[in-house]
Protein backbone atom coordinates (compact mmCIF):
# COMPACT_ATOMS: atom_id res chain seq x y z
CA MET A 1 104.33 111.20 22.73
CA SER A 2 103.07 113.67 20.03
CA GLU A 3 105.41 116.59 19.59
CA ASN A 4 104.44 117.48 16.04
CA VAL A 5 103.22 120.93 15.14
CA ILE A 6 99.44 120.27 14.63
CA LYS A 7 98.18 123.03 12.24
CA TRP A 8 94.94 123.16 10.32
CA ASN A 9 94.34 122.37 6.68
CA LEU A 10 92.61 125.30 5.01
CA LYS A 11 92.22 123.69 1.39
CA ASP A 12 88.42 123.62 1.89
CA PHE A 13 89.03 127.52 0.89
CA PHE A 14 92.24 127.83 -1.15
CA ASP A 15 95.44 126.20 -1.51
CA SER A 16 97.56 129.12 -0.53
CA ILE A 17 97.43 132.87 -0.26
CA ASP A 18 98.94 132.84 -3.72
CA ASP A 19 96.15 130.64 -5.23
CA PRO A 20 94.87 132.02 -8.54
CA GLN A 21 91.28 131.16 -7.25
CA ILE A 22 91.49 134.01 -4.90
CA GLU A 23 91.76 136.68 -7.76
CA LYS A 24 89.07 134.60 -9.71
CA THR A 25 86.74 134.80 -6.75
CA ILE A 26 87.36 138.50 -6.19
CA SER A 27 86.41 138.97 -9.78
CA GLU A 28 83.34 137.01 -9.56
CA ILE A 29 82.18 138.93 -6.58
CA GLU A 30 82.69 142.25 -8.16
CA GLU A 31 80.86 141.29 -11.47
CA LYS A 32 77.91 139.84 -9.55
CA LEU A 33 78.08 142.92 -7.09
CA ASP A 34 78.01 145.57 -9.75
CA ASP A 35 74.98 143.67 -11.44
CA PHE A 36 73.04 143.29 -8.08
CA VAL A 37 73.39 147.07 -7.31
CA LYS A 38 72.36 148.15 -10.77
CA ARG A 39 69.16 146.09 -10.67
CA ALA A 40 68.21 146.28 -6.90
CA LYS A 41 69.26 149.73 -5.68
CA GLY A 42 66.44 152.17 -5.61
CA ASN A 43 63.89 149.47 -6.37
CA LEU A 44 62.84 148.08 -2.92
CA GLN A 45 60.12 150.40 -1.71
CA LYS A 46 57.38 148.75 -3.54
CA ILE A 47 58.74 145.37 -4.25
CA GLU A 48 56.67 142.09 -4.45
CA PRO A 49 57.71 139.18 -2.21
CA LYS A 50 58.84 137.03 -5.19
CA LYS A 51 61.27 139.59 -6.53
CA LEU A 52 62.57 140.40 -3.04
CA LYS A 53 63.35 136.76 -2.64
CA GLU A 54 65.33 136.63 -5.92
CA PHE A 55 67.22 139.74 -4.52
CA PHE A 56 67.93 138.04 -1.29
CA LYS A 57 69.49 135.06 -2.97
CA GLU A 58 71.89 137.29 -4.78
CA TYR A 59 72.55 139.35 -1.74
CA GLU A 60 73.51 136.04 0.07
CA GLU A 61 75.62 134.72 -2.66
CA ILE A 62 77.63 137.74 -2.88
CA ASN A 63 78.14 138.04 0.89
CA GLU A 64 78.74 134.44 1.38
CA LYS A 65 81.73 134.39 -1.07
CA SER A 66 83.00 137.53 0.41
CA PHE A 67 82.75 136.05 4.05
CA TYR A 68 84.81 132.85 2.89
CA LEU A 69 87.54 135.28 1.63
CA SER A 70 87.37 136.99 5.11
CA VAL A 71 87.52 133.82 7.03
CA TYR A 72 90.27 132.44 5.17
CA SER A 73 92.41 135.37 5.58
CA TYR A 74 91.73 135.70 9.31
CA LEU A 75 92.62 131.88 9.79
CA VAL A 76 95.89 132.36 7.81
CA TYR A 77 96.63 135.73 9.80
CA SER A 78 95.89 134.55 13.23
CA THR A 79 98.45 131.73 12.83
CA ASN A 80 101.03 133.77 11.37
CA SER A 81 100.57 137.43 12.01
CA ILE A 82 104.09 138.54 11.99
CA ASN A 83 104.77 137.30 8.33
CA GLU A 84 104.84 140.39 5.99
CA GLU A 85 103.18 138.49 3.05
CA VAL A 86 100.51 137.27 5.29
CA LYS A 87 99.78 140.76 6.83
CA SER A 88 99.76 142.34 3.37
CA PHE A 89 97.15 139.60 2.14
CA TYR A 90 94.95 140.11 5.20
CA ALA A 91 94.83 143.89 4.64
CA LYS A 92 94.07 143.34 0.99
CA ILE A 93 91.07 141.05 1.83
CA ASP A 94 89.95 143.16 4.64
CA GLU A 95 89.94 146.29 2.23
CA PHE A 96 88.03 144.24 -0.38
CA THR A 97 85.41 142.86 2.07
CA SER A 98 84.77 146.19 3.36
CA LYS A 99 84.14 147.62 -0.01
CA VAL A 100 81.60 144.69 -0.51
CA SER A 101 79.80 145.58 2.60
CA GLU A 102 79.80 149.23 1.60
CA LYS A 103 78.33 148.59 -1.71
CA THR A 104 75.69 146.17 -0.31
CA LEU A 105 74.73 148.56 2.51
CA PHE A 106 71.93 149.94 0.51
CA PHE A 107 70.01 146.85 0.70
CA GLU A 108 69.46 146.76 4.48
CA LEU A 109 68.97 150.53 4.49
CA GLU A 110 66.20 150.61 1.87
CA LEU A 111 64.42 147.56 3.37
CA ASN A 112 63.82 150.10 6.08
CA THR A 113 62.28 152.78 3.80
CA ILE A 114 59.41 150.60 3.08
CA SER A 115 56.16 151.61 4.61
CA ASP A 116 54.91 149.74 7.68
CA GLU A 117 51.90 148.39 5.86
CA ASP A 118 54.03 147.17 3.00
CA PHE A 119 56.71 145.70 5.32
CA LYS A 120 54.02 143.72 7.15
CA LYS A 121 52.92 142.01 4.03
CA LEU A 122 56.50 141.11 3.05
CA VAL A 123 57.21 139.58 6.79
CA GLU A 124 54.05 137.64 6.36
CA ALA A 125 54.55 136.37 2.73
CA PRO A 126 55.27 132.52 2.54
CA GLU A 127 57.98 133.27 0.05
CA LEU A 128 60.04 135.10 2.42
CA LYS A 129 59.71 132.57 5.41
CA GLU A 130 63.49 132.01 5.62
CA TYR A 131 64.19 135.85 5.70
CA LYS A 132 61.33 136.77 8.20
CA HIS A 133 63.70 137.04 11.13
CA PHE A 134 66.35 138.87 9.08
CA LEU A 135 63.65 141.58 8.18
CA GLU A 136 62.24 141.93 11.70
CA PHE A 137 65.98 142.39 13.11
CA ASN A 138 66.84 144.77 10.52
CA ARG A 139 63.74 146.84 11.39
CA LEU A 140 64.86 147.00 14.82
CA GLN A 141 67.96 148.67 13.69
CA LYS A 142 65.84 151.47 11.94
CA PRO A 143 66.32 154.12 14.65
CA HIS A 144 69.96 153.71 14.89
CA GLN A 145 70.60 153.65 11.09
CA LEU A 146 72.35 156.47 9.42
CA SER A 147 72.14 157.61 5.79
CA GLU A 148 73.76 155.55 3.08
CA LYS A 149 76.43 157.90 2.56
CA GLU A 150 77.26 158.24 6.43
CA GLU A 151 77.42 154.46 6.70
CA GLN A 152 79.76 154.08 3.86
CA ILE A 153 81.98 156.83 5.39
CA ILE A 154 82.06 154.71 8.62
CA ILE A 155 83.00 151.59 6.89
CA MET A 156 85.88 153.46 4.99
CA LYS A 157 87.12 155.20 8.25
CA ASP A 158 87.20 151.90 10.05
CA LEU A 159 89.91 150.65 7.79
CA VAL A 160 92.40 153.39 9.08
CA GLY A 161 90.55 153.78 12.35
CA SER A 162 89.31 151.00 14.70
CA LYS A 163 90.26 148.19 12.52
CA ALA A 164 93.87 149.43 11.96
CA PHE A 165 94.31 149.89 15.70
CA ASN A 166 93.20 146.36 16.43
CA LYS A 167 95.67 145.19 13.84
CA LEU A 168 98.42 147.22 15.53
CA TYR A 169 97.43 145.60 18.94
CA THR A 170 97.65 142.17 17.58
CA GLU A 171 100.87 142.87 15.82
CA ILE A 172 102.33 144.20 19.02
CA VAL A 173 101.34 141.35 21.53
CA SER A 174 101.76 138.52 19.14
CA ARG A 175 105.46 139.70 18.93
CA PHE A 176 105.87 139.34 22.71
CA SER A 177 108.57 136.72 23.31
CA PHE A 178 109.77 135.82 26.94
CA GLN A 179 113.11 134.63 28.00
CA PHE A 180 112.22 132.52 31.20
CA GLU A 181 114.17 130.30 33.42
CA LEU A 182 112.51 126.81 33.96
CA ASP A 183 114.18 123.81 35.20
CA GLY A 184 117.53 125.51 35.23
CA GLU A 185 117.33 126.37 31.54
CA ILE A 186 116.58 129.71 29.80
CA LYS A 187 113.63 128.95 27.44
CA THR A 188 112.08 131.18 24.78
CA LEU A 189 108.32 131.19 25.41
CA THR A 190 105.19 132.71 23.69
CA GLY A 191 102.51 134.47 25.68
CA PRO A 192 100.22 131.47 25.93
CA GLN A 193 103.28 129.14 27.06
CA LEU A 194 104.23 131.59 29.72
CA ILE A 195 100.68 131.99 30.99
CA SER A 196 100.13 128.10 31.15
CA LEU A 197 102.76 128.33 33.95
CA LEU A 198 100.17 129.95 36.21
CA GLN A 199 99.15 126.33 36.72
CA HIS A 200 102.75 125.18 37.57
CA LYS A 201 103.12 123.35 40.99
CA ASP A 202 106.07 125.62 41.99
CA ARG A 203 104.67 128.89 43.46
CA GLU A 204 107.97 130.86 42.56
CA VAL A 205 107.61 129.69 38.95
CA ARG A 206 104.17 131.04 38.90
CA LYS A 207 104.95 134.29 40.46
CA ARG A 208 107.78 135.06 37.92
CA ALA A 209 105.47 133.99 34.98
CA LEU A 210 102.79 136.45 36.07
CA LEU A 211 105.06 139.34 36.72
CA THR A 212 107.03 138.61 33.56
CA TYR A 213 103.99 138.56 31.38
CA VAL A 214 102.29 141.72 33.05
CA GLU A 215 105.80 143.53 32.73
CA ALA A 216 105.62 143.13 28.95
CA TYR A 217 102.31 144.93 28.83
CA LYS A 218 103.58 147.47 31.32
CA ASN A 219 106.59 148.20 29.09
CA ASN A 220 104.26 149.02 26.18
CA GLU A 221 101.65 150.92 28.33
CA LEU A 222 101.90 154.18 26.30
CA VAL A 223 101.03 152.68 22.85
CA LEU A 224 98.47 150.15 24.52
CA THR A 225 96.69 152.97 26.28
CA HIS A 226 96.66 155.08 22.98
CA ILE A 227 95.17 152.13 21.18
CA TYR A 228 92.52 151.40 23.65
CA ASN A 229 91.40 155.05 23.89
CA ASN A 230 91.13 155.31 20.18
CA VAL A 231 89.17 152.22 19.69
CA ILE A 232 86.79 152.96 22.59
CA LYS A 233 86.38 156.45 21.84
CA ASP A 234 85.67 155.58 18.21
CA PHE A 235 82.95 153.00 19.45
CA ASP A 236 81.39 155.67 21.89
CA LEU A 237 81.20 158.40 19.34
CA GLU A 238 79.44 155.93 16.76
CA THR A 239 77.10 154.66 19.25
CA LYS A 240 76.15 158.26 20.17
CA LYS A 241 75.77 159.34 16.48
CA ARG A 242 73.36 156.12 16.18
CA ASN A 243 71.14 157.46 18.84
CA TYR A 244 71.97 154.97 21.55
CA GLU A 245 71.79 156.29 25.14
CA LYS A 246 74.45 154.15 26.36
CA PRO A 247 77.30 152.39 24.32
CA VAL A 248 76.27 148.81 25.68
CA GLN A 249 72.85 149.32 24.09
CA LEU A 250 74.42 148.61 20.55
CA ARG A 251 75.55 145.30 21.85
CA ASN A 252 72.31 144.61 23.56
CA LEU A 253 70.32 145.13 20.53
CA GLU A 254 72.80 142.98 18.33
CA ASN A 255 72.30 140.17 21.17
CA GLU A 256 68.36 140.53 20.99
CA VAL A 257 68.36 140.97 24.75
CA GLU A 258 66.66 143.81 26.72
CA ASP A 259 68.89 146.05 28.96
CA GLU A 260 66.87 144.75 31.87
CA ILE A 261 68.14 141.24 31.25
CA VAL A 262 71.76 142.26 31.10
CA GLU A 263 71.37 144.19 34.32
CA ALA A 264 69.60 141.61 36.32
CA LEU A 265 72.47 139.12 35.26
CA GLU A 266 75.11 141.57 36.39
CA LYS A 267 73.24 142.27 39.77
CA ALA A 268 72.81 138.55 40.50
CA THR A 269 76.44 137.69 39.67
CA THR A 270 78.10 140.48 41.47
CA GLU A 271 75.94 139.78 44.72
CA SER A 272 77.30 136.13 44.42
CA TYR A 273 80.98 137.37 44.61
CA LYS A 274 81.31 136.82 48.27
CA PRO A 275 79.22 133.58 48.84
CA LEU A 276 80.83 131.92 45.90
CA VAL A 277 84.27 133.40 44.72
CA GLU A 278 85.52 134.73 48.02
CA ARG A 279 84.45 131.65 49.74
CA TYR A 280 85.99 129.24 47.21
CA TYR A 281 89.48 131.04 47.12
CA ASN A 282 89.53 131.26 50.96
CA LEU A 283 88.78 127.49 50.81
CA LYS A 284 91.59 126.91 48.30
CA LYS A 285 94.04 128.93 50.35
CA ASN A 286 93.40 126.52 53.21
CA ILE A 287 93.77 123.57 50.85
CA LEU A 288 97.11 124.84 49.48
CA GLY A 289 98.21 125.59 53.18
CA TYR A 290 99.14 129.27 52.45
CA ASP A 291 98.90 132.23 54.73
CA ASP A 292 97.98 134.44 51.77
CA LEU A 293 96.79 134.03 48.18
CA HIS A 294 97.90 136.08 45.18
CA MET A 295 96.75 136.21 41.65
CA TYR A 296 99.39 133.81 40.60
CA ASP A 297 97.89 131.38 42.92
CA ILE A 298 94.36 131.29 41.63
CA TYR A 299 94.98 128.54 39.17
CA ALA A 300 97.60 126.72 41.25
CA PRO A 301 97.19 123.03 40.94
CA VAL A 302 95.65 121.45 43.97
CA GLY A 303 97.44 118.38 45.50
CA ASN A 304 100.46 116.72 43.61
CA ILE A 305 98.61 116.17 40.48
CA ASN A 306 100.41 117.72 37.57
CA LYS A 307 99.25 115.14 34.81
CA LYS A 308 99.94 116.15 31.15
CA TYR A 309 97.37 115.36 28.52
CA GLU A 310 98.81 114.54 24.90
CA TYR A 311 96.50 115.75 22.22
CA GLU A 312 95.41 112.43 21.25
CA GLU A 313 94.35 111.59 24.85
CA ALA A 314 92.50 114.92 25.14
CA ILE A 315 90.57 114.17 21.70
CA GLU A 316 89.70 110.60 23.01
CA ILE A 317 88.45 112.12 26.41
CA ILE A 318 86.13 114.50 24.37
CA LYS A 319 84.88 111.78 22.02
CA GLN A 320 84.04 109.62 24.94
CA ALA A 321 82.23 112.49 26.77
CA THR A 322 80.32 113.50 23.58
CA GLU A 323 79.49 109.92 22.69
CA ASN A 324 77.73 109.43 26.16
CA PHE A 325 75.45 112.20 25.07
CA ASP A 326 74.91 111.41 21.56
CA PRO A 327 76.91 109.55 18.93
CA GLU A 328 76.36 112.12 16.25
CA PHE A 329 78.40 114.63 18.64
CA LYS A 330 81.31 112.12 18.74
CA GLU A 331 81.31 111.91 14.93
CA ILE A 332 81.47 115.45 14.35
CA VAL A 333 84.56 115.74 16.73
CA GLU A 334 86.17 112.77 14.80
CA ASN A 335 85.50 114.45 11.51
CA MET A 336 87.14 117.78 12.81
CA VAL A 337 90.16 115.86 13.49
CA LYS A 338 90.09 113.80 10.28
CA LYS A 339 89.70 116.87 7.95
CA GLY A 340 92.49 118.71 9.87
CA HIS A 341 90.25 121.73 11.12
CA ILE A 342 92.00 122.02 14.23
CA ASP A 343 95.02 124.32 14.96
CA LEU A 344 96.59 123.38 18.17
CA THR A 345 100.22 124.14 18.68
CA PRO A 346 101.51 127.49 20.25
CA ARG A 347 104.23 129.06 17.97
CA LYS A 348 105.73 132.38 17.27
CA GLY A 349 103.43 134.78 15.41
CA LYS A 350 100.24 132.73 16.37
CA GLU A 351 97.79 134.88 18.47
CA GLY A 352 96.74 133.93 21.86
CA GLY A 353 93.63 132.57 23.16
CA ALA A 354 91.19 130.04 21.67
CA TYR A 355 88.32 130.30 19.13
CA CYS A 356 86.21 128.55 16.63
CA HIS A 357 85.29 129.87 13.24
CA TYR A 358 82.88 129.17 10.68
CA GLY A 359 83.71 127.22 7.67
CA LYS A 360 81.63 126.90 4.41
CA LEU A 361 78.05 126.36 4.51
CA LYS A 362 77.20 122.48 4.76
CA ASN A 363 80.72 121.93 5.91
CA TYR A 364 82.75 121.97 9.08
CA PRO A 365 84.09 124.95 11.11
CA PHE A 366 87.67 125.40 12.27
CA VAL A 367 89.09 125.26 15.82
CA PHE A 368 91.90 127.49 17.05
CA VAL A 369 93.55 126.64 20.52
CA ASN A 370 96.89 127.04 22.02
CA TYR A 371 97.10 123.66 23.62
CA THR A 372 99.42 123.28 26.57
CA LYS A 373 98.76 119.71 27.69
CA THR A 374 97.07 120.80 31.02
CA ILE A 375 93.60 119.75 32.29
CA ASP A 376 92.48 123.32 31.61
CA SER A 377 93.69 122.76 27.97
CA VAL A 378 91.58 119.91 27.50
CA LEU A 379 88.45 121.58 28.88
CA THR A 380 89.42 124.69 26.58
CA LEU A 381 89.61 122.19 23.61
CA ALA A 382 86.38 120.57 24.77
CA HIS A 383 84.74 124.22 24.71
CA GLU A 384 85.84 125.09 21.18
CA LEU A 385 84.98 121.61 19.81
CA GLY A 386 81.43 122.37 21.47
CA HIS A 387 81.32 125.58 19.36
CA ALA A 388 82.41 123.27 16.22
CA ILE A 389 79.39 120.93 17.03
CA HIS A 390 77.03 124.06 17.29
CA PHE A 391 78.42 125.60 14.12
CA TYR A 392 78.18 122.34 12.22
CA TYR A 393 74.46 122.07 12.80
CA THR A 394 73.85 125.67 12.03
CA LEU A 395 75.86 125.59 8.78
CA LYS A 396 74.19 122.29 7.74
CA ASN A 397 70.50 123.64 8.36
CA GLN A 398 70.51 127.35 7.79
CA ASN A 399 70.90 129.82 4.66
CA TYR A 400 73.81 132.42 4.94
CA VAL A 401 71.91 135.25 6.68
CA ASN A 402 70.66 132.94 9.36
CA ILE A 403 73.96 131.35 10.31
CA PHE A 404 74.93 133.94 12.83
CA PRO A 405 73.63 133.36 16.41
CA THR A 406 73.67 136.24 18.72
CA ILE A 407 76.81 136.43 21.03
CA PRO A 408 75.18 134.80 24.06
CA MET A 409 73.49 131.91 21.94
CA ALA A 410 76.93 131.35 20.37
CA GLU A 411 78.23 129.88 23.60
CA ILE A 412 75.34 127.36 24.04
CA ALA A 413 77.19 124.30 22.96
CA SER A 414 80.73 125.28 24.06
CA VAL A 415 79.99 125.50 27.74
CA PHE A 416 77.66 122.46 27.41
CA CYS A 417 80.55 120.25 25.91
CA GLU A 418 82.81 121.60 28.55
CA ILE A 419 80.37 120.35 31.27
CA MET A 420 79.99 117.19 29.49
CA THR A 421 83.79 116.73 29.54
CA PHE A 422 84.03 117.57 33.24
CA ASP A 423 81.25 115.11 34.27
CA TYR A 424 82.94 112.22 32.17
CA LEU A 425 86.31 113.02 33.95
CA ILE A 426 84.84 113.24 37.54
CA ASN A 427 82.93 109.92 36.97
CA GLN A 428 86.25 108.10 36.24
CA ASP A 429 87.79 105.71 38.64
CA LEU A 430 89.59 108.78 40.56
CA THR A 431 91.39 109.10 43.94
CA LYS A 432 89.84 111.54 46.34
CA GLU A 433 92.82 113.86 45.70
CA GLU A 434 92.08 113.77 41.98
CA LYS A 435 88.45 114.54 42.29
CA ILE A 436 89.29 117.55 44.62
CA ALA A 437 91.70 118.75 41.93
CA LEU A 438 89.18 118.32 39.10
CA LEU A 439 86.32 120.02 41.21
CA CYS A 440 88.84 122.97 41.83
CA THR A 441 89.38 123.36 38.12
CA HIS A 442 85.75 123.06 37.18
CA LEU A 443 84.84 125.77 39.69
CA GLU A 444 87.67 127.95 38.54
CA GLY A 445 86.60 127.51 35.07
CA ASN A 446 83.20 128.64 35.82
CA PHE A 447 84.29 131.64 37.84
CA ALA A 448 86.51 132.66 35.07
CA THR A 449 83.53 132.28 32.55
CA SER A 450 81.02 134.02 34.62
CA HIS A 451 82.35 135.98 37.53
CA ARG A 452 85.59 137.25 35.80
CA GLN A 453 83.68 138.15 32.69
CA ASN A 454 81.18 140.08 34.87
CA ALA A 455 84.10 141.98 36.34
CA PHE A 456 85.35 142.72 32.93
CA TYR A 457 81.91 143.97 32.00
CA ARG A 458 81.81 146.28 35.01
CA PHE A 459 85.28 147.38 34.07
CA GLU A 460 84.06 148.33 30.65
CA LYS A 461 80.91 150.16 31.58
CA GLN A 462 83.05 152.45 33.88
CA ILE A 463 85.84 153.06 31.18
CA HIS A 464 83.08 153.96 28.64
CA GLU A 465 81.55 156.21 31.15
CA LEU A 466 84.88 157.88 31.92
CA MET A 467 85.54 158.10 28.20
CA SER A 468 82.42 160.46 27.89
CA LYS A 469 84.26 162.94 30.23
CA LYS A 470 87.88 162.67 29.38
CA LEU A 471 90.42 160.13 27.80
CA PRO A 472 91.47 157.70 30.37
CA SER A 473 94.99 157.54 31.48
CA THR A 474 97.02 154.32 31.88
CA LYS A 475 96.22 154.78 35.74
CA ASP A 476 92.54 154.81 35.15
CA TYR A 477 92.82 151.50 33.43
CA VAL A 478 94.88 150.14 35.98
CA ASP A 479 92.83 151.36 38.92
CA ILE A 480 89.38 150.54 37.60
CA PHE A 481 90.49 147.11 36.33
CA THR A 482 92.27 145.97 39.52
CA ASN A 483 89.42 147.44 41.70
CA GLU A 484 87.01 145.15 40.06
CA MET A 485 89.19 142.17 40.46
CA GLN A 486 89.58 143.06 44.18
CA LEU A 487 85.71 143.32 44.49
CA MET A 488 85.27 139.78 42.85
CA PHE A 489 88.01 138.07 45.06
CA GLY A 490 87.22 139.97 48.26
CA ASN A 491 89.55 139.40 51.33
CA ALA A 492 90.64 136.13 49.64
CA VAL A 493 93.40 137.40 47.19
CA GLU A 494 96.00 140.13 48.09
CA LYS A 495 98.13 142.64 46.09
CA ILE A 496 95.93 142.57 43.03
CA LYS A 497 96.98 146.13 42.13
CA GLU A 498 100.59 145.57 42.43
CA GLU A 499 100.80 142.18 40.63
CA TYR A 500 98.12 142.31 38.09
CA SER A 501 98.30 146.02 37.16
CA HIS A 502 98.19 146.10 33.42
CA TYR A 503 96.17 142.83 32.86
CA ALA A 504 93.25 145.23 31.43
CA PHE A 505 95.40 145.38 28.20
CA VAL A 506 95.50 141.59 27.89
CA VAL A 507 91.75 141.26 27.15
CA ASN A 508 91.47 141.88 23.54
CA HIS A 509 87.65 141.61 23.57
CA PHE A 510 87.60 145.20 24.89
CA LEU A 511 89.06 146.23 21.49
CA HIS A 512 87.81 143.56 18.99
CA THR A 513 83.99 143.48 20.09
CA PRO A 514 83.14 146.02 23.00
CA PHE A 515 80.86 144.63 25.60
CA TYR A 516 81.11 141.08 24.22
CA VAL A 517 82.24 139.81 27.68
CA TYR A 518 78.77 139.61 29.51
CA ALA A 519 77.64 137.13 26.83
CA TYR A 520 80.05 134.64 28.25
CA ASN A 521 78.50 134.90 31.72
CA MET A 522 74.88 134.96 30.17
CA SER A 523 75.84 131.83 28.33
CA ASN A 524 77.35 129.96 31.07
CA LEU A 525 74.69 130.35 33.43
CA MET A 526 72.05 129.61 30.77
CA VAL A 527 73.84 126.43 29.79
CA ILE A 528 74.24 125.29 33.39
CA ALA A 529 70.47 125.51 33.58
CA LEU A 530 69.99 123.51 30.38
CA TYR A 531 72.44 120.87 31.49
CA GLN A 532 70.62 120.49 34.77
CA LEU A 533 67.39 120.24 32.62
CA TYR A 534 68.92 117.43 30.50
CA LEU A 535 69.95 115.42 33.66
CA GLU A 536 66.26 116.03 35.14
CA LYS A 537 64.33 115.21 31.87
CA GLY A 538 66.60 112.78 30.05
CA LYS A 539 67.77 112.11 26.56
CA GLU A 540 64.49 111.62 24.97
CA TYR A 541 63.00 114.86 26.06
CA PHE A 542 66.27 116.99 25.82
CA ILE A 543 68.35 115.93 22.74
CA PRO A 544 65.76 116.54 19.95
CA ARG A 545 64.97 120.09 21.39
CA TYR A 546 68.84 120.70 21.83
CA LYS A 547 69.63 119.69 18.44
CA LYS A 548 66.73 122.02 17.13
CA LEU A 549 68.31 124.83 19.19
CA LEU A 550 71.82 124.39 17.85
CA SER A 551 70.35 124.20 14.32
CA SER A 552 68.59 127.60 14.61
CA GLY A 553 71.75 129.75 14.11
CA GLY A 554 70.34 133.20 13.97
CA SER A 555 67.12 132.52 12.53
CA THR A 556 65.08 133.72 15.57
CA THR A 557 65.39 135.43 18.97
CA PRO A 558 67.01 133.78 22.00
CA GLN A 559 63.79 134.16 23.96
CA GLU A 560 62.03 132.18 21.06
CA MET A 561 64.66 129.51 20.94
CA LEU A 562 64.31 128.71 24.64
CA LYS A 563 60.67 128.64 24.79
CA GLN A 564 60.83 125.01 23.96
CA PHE A 565 62.47 124.39 27.40
CA ASP A 566 60.26 126.66 29.31
CA ILE A 567 62.92 129.17 29.90
CA ASP A 568 62.31 132.96 30.31
CA LEU A 569 65.36 135.20 30.41
CA LYS A 570 63.46 137.95 31.89
CA ASP A 571 62.93 136.01 35.15
CA ALA A 572 65.62 137.07 37.54
CA GLU A 573 65.38 133.88 39.47
CA PHE A 574 66.53 132.02 36.35
CA TRP A 575 70.18 133.30 36.70
CA LYS A 576 70.43 132.31 40.17
CA LYS A 577 69.83 128.68 39.30
CA GLY A 578 73.19 128.63 37.58
CA LEU A 579 74.81 130.19 40.58
CA LYS A 580 73.19 127.62 42.93
CA TYR A 581 74.93 124.90 40.81
CA LEU A 582 78.16 126.44 41.67
CA GLU A 583 77.35 126.90 45.34
CA ASN A 584 76.47 123.08 45.36
CA LYS A 585 79.83 122.23 43.82
CA ILE A 586 81.57 124.28 46.57
CA ASP A 587 79.53 122.16 49.07
CA GLU A 588 80.75 118.96 47.35
CA LEU A 589 84.27 120.29 47.54
CA GLU A 590 84.03 120.97 51.29
CA LYS A 591 82.74 117.68 51.92
CA LEU A 592 85.58 116.00 50.11
CA ILE A 593 88.25 117.85 51.96
CA GLN A 594 86.91 117.33 55.52
């Protein structure tokens, strides 16, 4: 049994936060930056393609090195956010990289002062082929860009504004420590460890776990409401200043999806609440034999299966699942483990949740998970390793300005890998009870990724709308959030307002990246459609196209990337295909329990 603390090895970047190479890197960036600004600033309006390419290379080199510093500091901070030296280092790097962004800002702004006629020539120039999408996307930002001075002020303001409030939020919640009685013993648990008990077989344990967790946020409601209001108001004021009609349009433009696509997605998902979510949870209520269902029951294990998966076993499952699809995928997973690019163990000071972050170009990314040995944790690990596979292909094939996919496209391999892992598990030699349990886990995971995120998105829209009229109170946050949760679960789940009251303050995406959440739903339904296409068309058709998709990074638009699969995101029926898949899985579950 593995009880070791599994932490990542960050020596790809630096030996430690005291490594002299850090100061050397900072000095190199400053020197190159000053030289770049001196030669490029004010000289872009009538520039020739060859010269612009040279400037692009310099721009990339400066930002790439700055990005590595930023990534390293965040990876260190997110695993030890209560250490004073780490906090100081993170703040120092954040301030430095903000200055780099501030000084290179002129480049994107000046590119948009080029006349339409000259700009067209640049975009069509063969020398600038690898920068074509960057140039076109930057041009779309033109109506929303401010003067260089205003843009610089925003960057500086964010250091003591939204970024500072985000850090404060992280410091507050990462310090939460819970004294919790379990198996007759008082244990000290982190937030992720406590939340994992929502999958405990004992209903009373689940109830106490949820109420204890929510209580911590309730006890801090004053400061959390203040943080939320400041960050959200800041975002809304900036989007207004940038000439967006609605705050969400900033994210839609960044995601390169039209408003109509997002609205169609929301409508289709919301309309499926009753036939999918409410239907499933009424079914689960019957499976569990309960008269009523509560929020602490929604992830309750079905049957008597409470299997724990050690880390090594989880990795082996994911390796087998990925090898069944393509051996190269398995090799990437193996190398992630060998290189120590996975941080797994929950511990004090480590942030909650899970993520995958870029590493260096032509190298492997880094995966962050709070692993708790449940089947859900296995699928979460598969999800993040799916990100790693995606980012590996992107880092291998793209130059720096093209490594960042839009948010919805960033999830295309994570969800795919999760479904592959589910399919591998469901096709093992399982008993009927085990298949029922796994199907329930799969459906609940999909509802969490699609319908729950849709409810979060609807909550965000209402809060931002309210913010234009007044500062929301704690009660506003509680009421709007729990009303959306109740709409999603319908008559299947009771007492949401009483037992889930302050959960809006748990979802840090509302702060870190406003309107991020709809992208989870978009990606989930998109990938389900892709996975069905893989099953229909076979490996020969699908895998080369899929690897091309993963290798694209942010080098073109989502619509363009998906053309090779004959997928049109503007087609409202497209989103219903993913929802139909979930309906079929509920049908399968019903047949199994009859």
